[in-house]
């Protein structure tokens, strides 16, 4: 049962990326023949995948993203977190992506610390709360203050 749920979850996540991948594929002008050659797959299969009549496997999707030079972190933020895959191509998305990267950079040490604590004796709820508060403070401190109307 768990394997079926895991497979369904993976399939759902791969579906999030589909519009983004197809848009980039079209923008790059990569033909089905070229994609099939680079993937070592049949042109027929690639045509079916591109038209939505066959599913991407996770491995194929990763390889297609590499071929199309799609930034996987940026794609994850747009497609999975925001559930707006085509935001990947929006210039204003750069700001969101930058803030997300800063947040991850600021919070990774605390998250790694939290992981180390869990490996040991277990983790008290108070310790989790302290780490999460620290992450939140780092995030708030990394965002520049709003600009006022007066100079």
C-alpha atoms as a PDB file:
ATOM      1  CA  UNK A   1       0.000   0.000   0.000  1.00  0.00           C
ATOM      2  CA  UNK A   2       2.825   2.410   0.878  1.00  0.00           C
ATOM      3  CA  UNK A   3       4.545   1.737  -2.447  1.00  0.00           C
ATOM      4  CA  UNK A   4       1.335   2.634  -4.292  1.00  0.00           C
ATOM      5  CA  UNK A   5       1.000   5.876  -2.297  1.00  0.00           C
ATOM      6  CA  UNK A   6       4.664   6.708  -2.901  1.00  0.00           C
ATOM      7  CA  UNK A   7       4.260   6.066  -6.637  1.00  0.00           C
ATOM      8  CA  UNK A   8       1.125   8.235  -6.744  1.00  0.00           C
ATOM      9  CA  UNK A   9       2.922  10.999  -4.852  1.00  0.00           C
ATOM     10  CA  UNK A  10       5.907  10.895  -7.219  1.00  0.00           C
ATOM     11  CA  UNK A  11       3.624  10.897 -10.251  1.00  0.00           C
ATOM     12  CA  UNK A  12       1.764  13.903  -8.915  1.00  0.00           C
ATOM     13  CA  UNK A  13       5.022  15.780  -8.354  1.00  0.00           C
ATOM     14  CA  UNK A  14       6.257  14.967 -11.860  1.00  0.00           C
ATOM     15  CA  UNK A  15       2.952  16.262 -13.219  1.00  0.00           C
ATOM     16  CA  UNK A  16       3.608  19.649 -11.589  1.00  0.00           C
ATOM     17  CA  UNK A  17       6.647  20.114 -13.813  1.00  0.00           C
ATOM     18  CA  UNK A  18       4.997  19.096 -17.088  1.00  0.00           C
ATOM     19  CA  UNK A  19       3.796  22.574 -18.250  1.00  0.00           C
ATOM     20  CA  UNK A  20       7.162  24.114 -17.357  1.00  0.00           C
ATOM     21  CA  UNK A  21       9.101  21.440 -19.239  1.00  0.00           C
ATOM     22  CA  UNK A  22       6.920  21.661 -22.345  1.00  0.00           C
ATOM     23  CA  UNK A  23       7.174  25.468 -22.376  1.00  0.00           C
ATOM     24  CA  UNK A  24      10.978  25.334 -22.143  1.00  0.00           C
ATOM     25  CA  UNK A  25      11.083  22.563 -24.742  1.00  0.00           C
ATOM     26  CA  UNK A  26       9.138  24.766 -27.161  1.00  0.00           C
ATOM     27  CA  UNK A  27      11.209  27.869 -26.339  1.00  0.00           C
ATOM     28  CA  UNK A  28      14.441  25.965 -27.018  1.00  0.00           C
ATOM     29  CA  UNK A  29      13.119  24.548 -30.275  1.00  0.00           C
ATOM     30  CA  UNK A  30      14.373  21.043 -29.511  1.00  0.00           C
ATOM     31  CA  UNK A  31      12.777  18.548 -31.903  1.00  0.00           C
ATOM     32  CA  UNK A  32      11.367  15.216 -30.793  1.00  0.00           C
ATOM     33  CA  UNK A  33      14.031  13.516 -32.907  1.00  0.00           C
ATOM     34  CA  UNK A  34      16.819  15.401 -31.123  1.00  0.00           C
ATOM     35  CA  UNK A  35      15.304  14.740 -27.679  1.00  0.00           C
ATOM     36  CA  UNK A  36      14.880  11.035 -28.498  1.00  0.00           C
ATOM     37  CA  UNK A  37      18.500  10.820 -29.647  1.00  0.00           C
ATOM     38  CA  UNK A  38      19.807  12.524 -26.499  1.00  0.00           C
ATOM     39  CA  UNK A  39      17.666  10.364 -24.207  1.00  0.00           C
ATOM     40  CA  UNK A  40      18.254   7.122 -26.090  1.00  0.00           C
ATOM     41  CA  UNK A  41      14.490   6.632 -26.460  1.00  0.00           C
ATOM     42  CA  UNK A  42      12.229   6.147 -29.469  1.00  0.00           C
ATOM     43  CA  UNK A  43      10.828   9.173 -31.287  1.00  0.00           C
ATOM     44  CA  UNK A  44       7.373   7.645 -30.851  1.00  0.00           C
ATOM     45  CA  UNK A  45       7.733   7.538 -27.051  1.00  0.00           C
ATOM     46  CA  UNK A  46       9.048  11.100 -26.933  1.00  0.00           C
ATOM     47  CA  UNK A  47       6.109  12.294 -29.043  1.00  0.00           C
ATOM     48  CA  UNK A  48       3.683  10.586 -26.668  1.00  0.00           C
ATOM     49  CA  UNK A  49       5.393  12.038 -23.596  1.00  0.00           C
ATOM     50  CA  UNK A  50       5.419  15.540 -25.053  1.00  0.00           C
ATOM     51  CA  UNK A  51       1.751  15.334 -26.044  1.00  0.00           C
ATOM     52  CA  UNK A  52       0.761  13.990 -22.625  1.00  0.00           C
ATOM     53  CA  UNK A  53      -0.278  10.535 -23.880  1.00  0.00           C
ATOM     54  CA  UNK A  54       2.555   8.876 -21.937  1.00  0.00           C
ATOM     55  CA  UNK A  55       3.984   9.810 -18.559  1.00  0.00           C
ATOM     56  CA  UNK A  56       7.453  11.054 -17.780  1.00  0.00           C
ATOM     57  CA  UNK A  57       9.347   8.724 -15.519  1.00  0.00           C
ATOM     58  CA  UNK A  58      11.170  10.618 -12.778  1.00  0.00           C
ATOM     59  CA  UNK A  59      14.532   9.695 -14.313  1.00  0.00           C
ATOM     60  CA  UNK A  60      13.452  10.828 -17.788  1.00  0.00           C
ATOM     61  CA  UNK A  61      12.099  14.066 -16.390  1.00  0.00           C
ATOM     62  CA  UNK A  62      15.384  14.856 -14.647  1.00  0.00           C
ATOM     63  CA  UNK A  63      17.330  14.129 -17.833  1.00  0.00           C
ATOM     64  CA  UNK A  64      14.976  16.282 -19.961  1.00  0.00           C
ATOM     65  CA  UNK A  65      15.364  19.133 -17.460  1.00  0.00           C
ATOM     66  CA  UNK A  66      19.150  18.825 -17.781  1.00  0.00           C
ATOM     67  CA  UNK A  67      18.971  18.836 -21.582  1.00  0.00           C
ATOM     68  CA  UNK A  68      16.704  21.903 -21.557  1.00  0.00           C
ATOM     69  CA  UNK A  69      18.910  23.596 -18.926  1.00  0.00           C
ATOM     70  CA  UNK A  70      16.060  24.018 -16.454  1.00  0.00           C
ATOM     71  CA  UNK A  71      17.241  25.078 -12.986  1.00  0.00           C
ATOM     72  CA  UNK A  72      15.743  22.323 -10.839  1.00  0.00           C
ATOM     73  CA  UNK A  73      15.660  24.343  -7.607  1.00  0.00           C
ATOM     74  CA  UNK A  74      13.923  27.233  -9.296  1.00  0.00           C
ATOM     75  CA  UNK A  75      11.547  24.801 -11.036  1.00  0.00           C
ATOM     76  CA  UNK A  76      10.741  23.121  -7.707  1.00  0.00           C
ATOM     77  CA  UNK A  77       9.860  26.455  -6.126  1.00  0.00           C
ATOM     78  CA  UNK A  78       7.613  27.482  -9.027  1.00  0.00           C
ATOM     79  CA  UNK A  79       5.985  24.142  -9.803  1.00  0.00           C
ATOM     80  CA  UNK A  80       5.725  22.330  -6.484  1.00  0.00           C
ATOM     81  CA  UNK A  81       5.685  25.004  -3.789  1.00  0.00           C
ATOM     82  CA  UNK A  82       3.846  27.744  -5.640  1.00  0.00           C
ATOM     83  CA  UNK A  83       1.903  25.344  -7.879  1.00  0.00           C
ATOM     84  CA  UNK A  84       2.417  27.857 -10.712  1.00  0.00           C
ATOM     85  CA  UNK A  85       4.922  26.159 -13.033  1.00  0.00           C
ATOM     86  CA  UNK A  86       4.996  28.914 -15.647  1.00  0.00           C
ATOM     87  CA  UNK A  87       6.046  31.437 -12.976  1.00  0.00           C
ATOM     88  CA  UNK A  88       9.511  29.987 -13.651  1.00  0.00           C
ATOM     89  CA  UNK A  89       9.662  32.200 -16.760  1.00  0.00           C
ATOM     90  CA  UNK A  90       8.354  35.387 -15.091  1.00  0.00           C
ATOM     91  CA  UNK A  91      10.946  38.097 -14.405  1.00  0.00           C
ATOM     92  CA  UNK A  92       9.239  39.012 -11.125  1.00  0.00           C
ATOM     93  CA  UNK A  93       9.755  35.417  -9.955  1.00  0.00           C
ATOM     94  CA  UNK A  94      13.478  36.208  -9.652  1.00  0.00           C
ATOM     95  CA  UNK A  95      12.749  38.194  -6.465  1.00  0.00           C
ATOM     96  CA  UNK A  96      10.789  35.331  -4.921  1.00  0.00           C
ATOM     97  CA  UNK A  97      13.536  32.899  -5.835  1.00  0.00           C
ATOM     98  CA  UNK A  98      16.219  35.154  -4.341  1.00  0.00           C
ATOM     99  CA  UNK A  99      14.354  35.465  -1.021  1.00  0.00           C
ATOM    100  CA  UNK A 100      13.779  31.696  -0.937  1.00  0.00           C
ATOM    101  CA  UNK A 101      17.492  31.041  -1.531  1.00  0.00           C
ATOM    102  CA  UNK A 102      18.451  33.475   1.229  1.00  0.00           C
ATOM    103  CA  UNK A 103      16.016  31.781   3.588  1.00  0.00           C
ATOM    104  CA  UNK A 104      17.446  28.342   2.841  1.00  0.00           C
ATOM    105  CA  UNK A 105      21.023  29.591   3.272  1.00  0.00           C
ATOM    106  CA  UNK A 106      20.129  31.216   6.592  1.00  0.00           C
ATOM    107  CA  UNK A 107      18.153  28.290   7.945  1.00  0.00           C
ATOM    108  CA  UNK A 108      20.268  25.336   6.810  1.00  0.00           C
ATOM    109  CA  UNK A 109      22.625  25.430   9.818  1.00  0.00           C
ATOM    110  CA  UNK A 110      19.655  25.373  12.192  1.00  0.00           C
ATOM    111  CA  UNK A 111      17.957  22.585  10.244  1.00  0.00           C
ATOM    112  CA  UNK A 112      21.158  20.529  10.275  1.00  0.00           C
ATOM    113  CA  UNK A 113      21.436  21.143  14.013  1.00  0.00           C
ATOM    114  CA  UNK A 114      17.858  19.984  14.441  1.00  0.00           C
ATOM    115  CA  UNK A 115      18.611  16.819  12.453  1.00  0.00           C
ATOM    116  CA  UNK A 116      21.641  16.083  14.655  1.00  0.00           C
ATOM    117  CA  UNK A 117      19.553  16.490  17.811  1.00  0.00           C
ATOM    118  CA  UNK A 118      16.922  14.090  16.506  1.00  0.00           C
ATOM    119  CA  UNK A 119      19.617  11.445  15.897  1.00  0.00           C
ATOM    120  CA  UNK A 120      20.578  11.546  19.568  1.00  0.00           C
ATOM    121  CA  UNK A 121      18.246  11.227  22.518  1.00  0.00           C
ATOM    122  CA  UNK A 122      15.199  12.556  20.765  1.00  0.00           C
ATOM    123  CA  UNK A 123      14.007  16.097  20.641  1.00  0.00           C
ATOM    124  CA  UNK A 124      11.875  17.904  23.162  1.00  0.00           C
ATOM    125  CA  UNK A 125       9.076  20.099  21.772  1.00  0.00           C
ATOM    126  CA  UNK A 126      10.766  23.124  23.386  1.00  0.00           C
ATOM    127  CA  UNK A 127      13.944  22.485  21.390  1.00  0.00           C
ATOM    128  CA  UNK A 128      11.984  22.281  18.144  1.00  0.00           C
ATOM    129  CA  UNK A 129      10.241  25.545  19.008  1.00  0.00           C
ATOM    130  CA  UNK A 130      13.574  27.288  19.743  1.00  0.00           C
ATOM    131  CA  UNK A 131      15.077  26.149  16.426  1.00  0.00           C
ATOM    132  CA  UNK A 132      12.003  27.205  14.460  1.00  0.00           C
ATOM    133  CA  UNK A 133      11.987  30.617  16.175  1.00  0.00           C
ATOM    134  CA  UNK A 134      15.644  31.037  15.270  1.00  0.00           C
ATOM    135  CA  UNK A 135      14.908  30.158  11.638  1.00  0.00           C
ATOM    136  CA  UNK A 136      12.046  32.657  11.561  1.00  0.00           C
ATOM    137  CA  UNK A 137      14.228  35.410  13.035  1.00  0.00           C
ATOM    138  CA  UNK A 138      16.955  34.726  10.450  1.00  0.00           C
ATOM    139  CA  UNK A 139      14.376  34.900   7.691  1.00  0.00           C
ATOM    140  CA  UNK A 140      12.940  38.175   8.984  1.00  0.00           C
ATOM    141  CA  UNK A 141      16.415  39.681   9.353  1.00  0.00           C
ATOM    142  CA  UNK A 142      17.344  38.741   5.776  1.00  0.00           C
ATOM    143  CA  UNK A 143      14.415  40.648   4.241  1.00  0.00           C
ATOM    144  CA  UNK A 144      15.206  44.327   3.625  1.00  0.00           C
ATOM    145  CA  UNK A 145      12.963  46.845   5.400  1.00  0.00           C
ATOM    146  CA  UNK A 146      10.123  48.338   3.335  1.00  0.00           C
ATOM    147  CA  UNK A 147      10.838  51.623   1.610  1.00  0.00           C
ATOM    148  CA  UNK A 148       8.981  54.634   2.893  1.00  0.00           C
ATOM    149  CA  UNK A 149       7.296  57.195   0.646  1.00  0.00           C
ATOM    150  CA  UNK A 150       9.534  60.047   1.855  1.00  0.00           C
ATOM    151  CA  UNK A 151      13.190  60.332   0.821  1.00  0.00           C
END
